[in-house]
Amino acid sequence: MSFRLKWLPEAQTQYEAIIAAAGKIAPRAGRKSSKQAGLSKQVKKTLALLQRDPKHPGLHTHPYHGYANPYEPGKPLWEAYVQNRTPGAYRVFWCYGPNRGELTIVAITPHP
């Protein structure tokens, strides 16, 4: 089952900032892409995997208790890995809903 992504305003702002930072730095011939470009690519890949299968093993999805679920405070908020074994590794925080077949992106931040 494929899910439709819904964004909280804070998460949308964070995503746009990551994409904008990647676009400001032009890659040079023969060099690796910038850290911002790499992060942008990793975030996009994580979101695509979440849309297809929130339980994909590469996402290392698990409940997170640092944020509240915006729709149902008693239900879990989930954390998915964007990066692993990296200082300040990025995470996507999300929850199911508010409607069937939807995932809400709550935040995209470095690991708290």
N, C-alpha and C. Protein backbone atom coordinates (compact mmCIF):
# COMPACT_ATOMS: atom_id res chain seq x y z
N MET A 1 0.83 -1.18 0.00
CA MET A 1 0.00 0.00 0.00
C MET A 1 0.87 1.24 0.00
N SER A 2 0.57 2.16 -0.85
CA SER A 2 1.30 3.42 -0.91
C SER A 2 0.57 4.47 -0.08
N PHE A 3 1.32 5.25 0.66
CA PHE A 3 0.75 6.28 1.51
C PHE A 3 0.93 7.66 0.88
N ARG A 4 0.01 8.53 1.18
CA ARG A 4 0.09 9.93 0.77
C ARG A 4 0.74 10.68 1.92
N LEU A 5 1.70 11.58 1.61
CA LEU A 5 2.36 12.34 2.66
C LEU A 5 1.60 13.64 2.91
N LYS A 6 1.46 13.96 4.18
CA LYS A 6 0.88 15.21 4.63
C LYS A 6 1.95 15.85 5.51
N TRP A 7 2.04 17.16 5.49
CA TRP A 7 3.12 17.84 6.19
C TRP A 7 2.57 18.80 7.25
N LEU A 8 3.18 18.79 8.43
CA LEU A 8 2.94 19.87 9.38
C LEU A 8 3.79 21.05 8.92
N PRO A 9 3.37 22.28 9.19
CA PRO A 9 4.11 23.45 8.69
C PRO A 9 5.60 23.45 9.07
N GLU A 10 5.92 23.05 10.29
CA GLU A 10 7.31 23.03 10.72
C GLU A 10 8.13 22.06 9.87
N ALA A 11 7.58 20.89 9.60
CA ALA A 11 8.28 19.89 8.80
C ALA A 11 8.46 20.37 7.36
N GLN A 12 7.44 21.02 6.81
CA GLN A 12 7.52 21.55 5.45
C GLN A 12 8.64 22.59 5.35
N THR A 13 8.73 23.45 6.35
CA THR A 13 9.78 24.47 6.40
C THR A 13 11.16 23.83 6.48
N GLN A 14 11.30 22.80 7.32
CA GLN A 14 12.58 22.11 7.47
C GLN A 14 12.98 21.43 6.17
N TYR A 15 12.03 20.79 5.51
CA TYR A 15 12.31 20.11 4.24
C TYR A 15 12.75 21.12 3.18
N GLU A 16 12.02 22.21 3.07
CA GLU A 16 12.36 23.24 2.08
C GLU A 16 13.73 23.84 2.35
N ALA A 17 14.10 24.02 3.62
CA ALA A 17 15.42 24.56 3.96
C ALA A 17 16.53 23.59 3.55
N ILE A 18 16.32 22.30 3.73
CA ILE A 18 17.31 21.29 3.33
C ILE A 18 17.48 21.30 1.82
N ILE A 19 16.38 21.35 1.09
CA ILE A 19 16.44 21.36 -0.38
C ILE A 19 17.09 22.64 -0.88
N ALA A 20 16.74 23.78 -0.27
CA ALA A 20 17.31 25.07 -0.68
C ALA A 20 18.81 25.11 -0.42
N ALA A 21 19.26 24.58 0.71
CA ALA A 21 20.69 24.58 1.03
C ALA A 21 21.46 23.74 0.02
N ALA A 22 20.86 22.65 -0.44
CA ALA A 22 21.52 21.79 -1.43
C ALA A 22 21.61 22.49 -2.78
N GLY A 23 20.61 23.29 -3.12
CA GLY A 23 20.58 23.96 -4.41
C GLY A 23 21.51 25.16 -4.51
N LYS A 24 21.93 25.70 -3.36
CA LYS A 24 22.80 26.89 -3.37
C LYS A 24 24.23 26.57 -3.75
N ILE A 25 24.63 25.33 -3.57
CA ILE A 25 26.02 24.95 -3.82
C ILE A 25 26.10 24.14 -5.10
N ALA A 26 26.74 24.71 -6.09
CA ALA A 26 26.88 24.02 -7.38
C ALA A 26 28.04 23.03 -7.30
N PRO A 27 27.80 21.78 -7.71
CA PRO A 27 28.90 20.80 -7.69
C PRO A 27 29.96 21.14 -8.74
N ARG A 28 31.19 20.87 -8.40
CA ARG A 28 32.29 21.10 -9.34
C ARG A 28 32.63 19.80 -10.05
N ALA A 29 33.11 19.91 -11.25
CA ALA A 29 33.45 18.73 -12.04
C ALA A 29 34.52 17.92 -11.31
N GLY A 30 34.29 16.60 -11.24
CA GLY A 30 35.27 15.70 -10.64
C GLY A 30 35.25 15.67 -9.13
N ARG A 31 34.34 16.38 -8.49
CA ARG A 31 34.29 16.39 -7.03
C ARG A 31 33.01 15.75 -6.54
N LYS A 32 33.07 15.30 -5.30
CA LYS A 32 31.87 14.75 -4.67
C LYS A 32 30.87 15.88 -4.44
N SER A 33 29.62 15.52 -4.34
CA SER A 33 28.61 16.53 -4.05
C SER A 33 28.78 17.02 -2.61
N SER A 34 28.23 18.17 -2.33
CA SER A 34 28.35 18.77 -1.01
C SER A 34 27.58 17.96 0.03
N LYS A 35 27.85 18.22 1.30
CA LYS A 35 27.12 17.55 2.37
C LYS A 35 25.63 17.88 2.28
N GLN A 36 25.32 19.13 1.91
CA GLN A 36 23.92 19.53 1.81
C GLN A 36 23.22 18.77 0.68
N ALA A 37 23.91 18.59 -0.43
CA ALA A 37 23.32 17.84 -1.55
C ALA A 37 23.12 16.38 -1.15
N GLY A 38 24.07 15.82 -0.42
CA GLY A 38 23.94 14.44 0.05
C GLY A 38 22.78 14.28 1.02
N LEU A 39 22.64 15.24 1.93
CA LEU A 39 21.53 15.20 2.88
C LEU A 39 20.20 15.31 2.16
N SER A 40 20.13 16.19 1.18
CA SER A 40 18.91 16.36 0.40
C SER A 40 18.51 15.05 -0.27
N LYS A 41 19.48 14.38 -0.87
CA LYS A 41 19.22 13.10 -1.54
C LYS A 41 18.77 12.04 -0.53
N GLN A 42 19.39 12.01 0.64
CA GLN A 42 19.04 11.03 1.67
C GLN A 42 17.63 11.27 2.21
N VAL A 43 17.27 12.54 2.40
CA VAL A 43 15.93 12.86 2.90
C VAL A 43 14.88 12.45 1.87
N LYS A 44 15.13 12.76 0.60
CA LYS A 44 14.18 12.39 -0.45
C LYS A 44 14.01 10.87 -0.52
N LYS A 45 15.11 10.13 -0.38
CA LYS A 45 15.05 8.67 -0.43
C LYS A 45 14.25 8.14 0.77
N THR A 46 14.50 8.70 1.95
CA THR A 46 13.77 8.27 3.15
C THR A 46 12.27 8.51 2.99
N LEU A 47 11.90 9.67 2.47
CA LEU A 47 10.49 9.98 2.28
C LEU A 47 9.84 9.04 1.25
N ALA A 48 10.59 8.70 0.21
CA ALA A 48 10.07 7.77 -0.80
C ALA A 48 9.86 6.38 -0.20
N LEU A 49 10.81 5.92 0.62
CA LEU A 49 10.66 4.62 1.28
C LEU A 49 9.48 4.64 2.26
N LEU A 50 9.33 5.74 2.99
CA LEU A 50 8.20 5.86 3.92
C LEU A 50 6.88 5.77 3.19
N GLN A 51 6.80 6.43 2.05
CA GLN A 51 5.56 6.40 1.27
C GLN A 51 5.22 4.99 0.83
N ARG A 52 6.23 4.25 0.40
CA ARG A 52 5.99 2.89 -0.08
C ARG A 52 5.75 1.90 1.04
N ASP A 53 6.59 1.96 2.09
CA ASP A 53 6.51 0.98 3.16
C ASP A 53 7.12 1.56 4.43
N PRO A 54 6.30 2.08 5.35
CA PRO A 54 6.85 2.67 6.58
C PRO A 54 7.64 1.69 7.44
N LYS A 55 7.48 0.40 7.20
CA LYS A 55 8.21 -0.60 7.99
C LYS A 55 9.42 -1.15 7.24
N HIS A 56 9.86 -0.47 6.20
CA HIS A 56 11.03 -0.90 5.44
C HIS A 56 12.22 -1.03 6.39
N PRO A 57 12.96 -2.14 6.32
CA PRO A 57 14.04 -2.35 7.28
C PRO A 57 15.14 -1.28 7.25
N GLY A 58 15.37 -0.68 6.11
CA GLY A 58 16.41 0.35 6.01
C GLY A 58 16.08 1.63 6.76
N LEU A 59 14.82 1.82 7.10
CA LEU A 59 14.41 3.02 7.81
C LEU A 59 14.62 2.92 9.32
N HIS A 60 14.77 1.70 9.83
CA HIS A 60 14.92 1.47 11.27
C HIS A 60 13.81 2.18 12.05
N THR A 61 12.60 2.08 11.56
CA THR A 61 11.46 2.77 12.14
C THR A 61 11.14 2.22 13.53
N HIS A 62 10.93 3.13 14.48
CA HIS A 62 10.52 2.74 15.83
C HIS A 62 9.79 3.90 16.50
N PRO A 63 8.99 3.61 17.52
CA PRO A 63 8.27 4.68 18.22
C PRO A 63 9.26 5.63 18.90
N TYR A 64 8.87 6.89 18.95
CA TYR A 64 9.70 7.91 19.60
C TYR A 64 8.83 8.66 20.59
N HIS A 65 9.36 8.90 21.77
CA HIS A 65 8.55 9.49 22.82
C HIS A 65 8.89 10.95 23.12
N GLY A 66 9.75 11.58 22.34
CA GLY A 66 10.14 12.97 22.58
C GLY A 66 9.16 14.00 22.02
N TYR A 67 8.35 13.61 21.06
CA TYR A 67 7.33 14.48 20.48
C TYR A 67 5.97 13.83 20.72
N ALA A 68 4.93 14.65 20.70
CA ALA A 68 3.58 14.12 20.85
C ALA A 68 2.95 13.92 19.47
N ASN A 69 2.13 12.90 19.36
CA ASN A 69 1.37 12.68 18.13
C ASN A 69 0.37 13.84 18.00
N PRO A 70 0.39 14.58 16.89
CA PRO A 70 -0.46 15.76 16.77
C PRO A 70 -1.95 15.45 16.65
N TYR A 71 -2.31 14.23 16.30
CA TYR A 71 -3.70 13.88 16.08
C TYR A 71 -4.29 13.09 17.25
N GLU A 72 -3.52 12.16 17.77
CA GLU A 72 -3.99 11.32 18.87
C GLU A 72 -2.85 11.17 19.88
N PRO A 73 -2.84 12.03 20.93
CA PRO A 73 -1.73 12.02 21.88
C PRO A 73 -1.41 10.66 22.50
N GLY A 74 -2.35 9.76 22.58
CA GLY A 74 -2.08 8.44 23.14
C GLY A 74 -1.39 7.49 22.19
N LYS A 75 -1.41 7.80 20.90
CA LYS A 75 -0.80 6.91 19.89
C LYS A 75 0.66 7.34 19.66
N PRO A 76 1.48 6.40 19.17
CA PRO A 76 2.90 6.71 19.03
C PRO A 76 3.22 7.65 17.86
N LEU A 77 4.29 8.37 18.04
CA LEU A 77 4.93 9.11 16.97
C LEU A 77 6.12 8.23 16.58
N TRP A 78 6.43 8.18 15.30
CA TRP A 78 7.46 7.27 14.81
C TRP A 78 8.69 8.04 14.36
N GLU A 79 9.83 7.37 14.44
CA GLU A 79 11.11 7.92 14.01
C GLU A 79 11.66 7.03 12.91
N ALA A 80 12.11 7.63 11.82
CA ALA A 80 12.76 6.89 10.74
C ALA A 80 14.14 7.50 10.51
N TYR A 81 15.12 6.67 10.26
CA TYR A 81 16.49 7.13 10.06
C TYR A 81 16.66 7.69 8.65
N VAL A 82 17.27 8.86 8.56
CA VAL A 82 17.73 9.39 7.28
C VAL A 82 19.20 9.02 7.14
N GLN A 83 19.93 9.16 8.23
CA GLN A 83 21.35 8.84 8.28
C GLN A 83 21.59 7.96 9.50
N ASN A 84 22.71 7.25 9.46
CA ASN A 84 23.09 6.39 10.57
C ASN A 84 24.59 6.50 10.77
N ARG A 85 25.02 6.40 12.01
CA ARG A 85 26.45 6.44 12.34
C ARG A 85 27.12 7.70 11.80
N THR A 86 26.42 8.81 11.97
CA THR A 86 26.92 10.11 11.55
C THR A 86 26.66 11.07 12.70
N PRO A 87 27.63 11.90 13.08
CA PRO A 87 27.34 12.88 14.13
C PRO A 87 26.19 13.78 13.70
N GLY A 88 25.21 13.95 14.55
CA GLY A 88 24.04 14.77 14.21
C GLY A 88 23.19 14.16 13.11
N ALA A 89 23.11 12.84 13.09
CA ALA A 89 22.36 12.14 12.04
C ALA A 89 20.92 12.62 11.99
N TYR A 90 20.41 12.80 10.79
CA TYR A 90 19.05 13.29 10.60
C TYR A 90 18.02 12.19 10.76
N ARG A 91 16.83 12.59 11.25
CA ARG A 91 15.71 11.70 11.43
C ARG A 91 14.45 12.35 10.89
N VAL A 92 13.51 11.52 10.47
CA VAL A 92 12.17 11.99 10.08
C VAL A 92 11.21 11.48 11.15
N PHE A 93 10.46 12.39 11.74
CA PHE A 93 9.46 12.03 12.73
C PHE A 93 8.11 12.12 12.06
N TRP A 94 7.30 11.08 12.22
CA TRP A 94 6.05 11.00 11.49
C TRP A 94 5.01 10.21 12.28
N CYS A 95 3.77 10.29 11.82
CA CYS A 95 2.69 9.51 12.43
C CYS A 95 1.70 9.11 11.35
N TYR A 96 0.88 8.14 11.66
CA TYR A 96 -0.18 7.73 10.75
C TYR A 96 -1.32 8.74 10.87
N GLY A 97 -1.95 9.03 9.74
CA GLY A 97 -3.16 9.85 9.76
C GLY A 97 -2.94 11.24 9.25
N PRO A 98 -3.94 12.07 9.33
CA PRO A 98 -5.16 11.91 10.09
C PRO A 98 -6.18 10.99 9.41
N ASN A 99 -6.04 10.77 8.12
CA ASN A 99 -6.98 9.90 7.40
C ASN A 99 -6.29 8.61 7.01
N ARG A 100 -7.09 7.62 6.67
CA ARG A 100 -6.56 6.33 6.24
C ARG A 100 -5.72 6.53 4.98
N GLY A 101 -4.57 5.88 4.94
CA GLY A 101 -3.69 5.97 3.78
C GLY A 101 -2.81 7.20 3.78
N GLU A 102 -2.74 7.91 4.90
CA GLU A 102 -1.90 9.11 4.99
C GLU A 102 -0.86 8.95 6.09
N LEU A 103 0.30 9.53 5.83
CA LEU A 103 1.35 9.68 6.84
C LEU A 103 1.60 11.17 6.99
N THR A 104 1.71 11.63 8.21
CA THR A 104 2.01 13.04 8.46
C THR A 104 3.45 13.17 8.88
N ILE A 105 4.19 14.00 8.16
CA ILE A 105 5.57 14.29 8.51
C ILE A 105 5.52 15.41 9.56
N VAL A 106 6.06 15.11 10.74
CA VAL A 106 5.99 16.04 11.87
C VAL A 106 7.25 16.90 11.93
N ALA A 107 8.41 16.30 11.68
CA ALA A 107 9.69 17.04 11.75
C ALA A 107 10.77 16.28 11.00
N ILE A 108 11.74 17.03 10.50
CA ILE A 108 12.95 16.47 9.89
C ILE A 108 14.11 17.21 10.56
N THR A 109 14.76 16.54 11.48
CA THR A 109 15.77 17.21 12.29
C THR A 109 16.96 16.29 12.56
N PRO A 110 18.08 16.89 12.99
CA PRO A 110 19.17 16.05 13.49
C PRO A 110 18.69 15.31 14.72
N HIS A 111 19.26 14.16 14.99
CA HIS A 111 18.84 13.35 16.12
C HIS A 111 18.94 14.18 17.40
N PRO A 112 17.86 14.22 18.15
CA PRO A 112 17.87 15.01 19.39
C PRO A 112 18.76 14.41 20.47
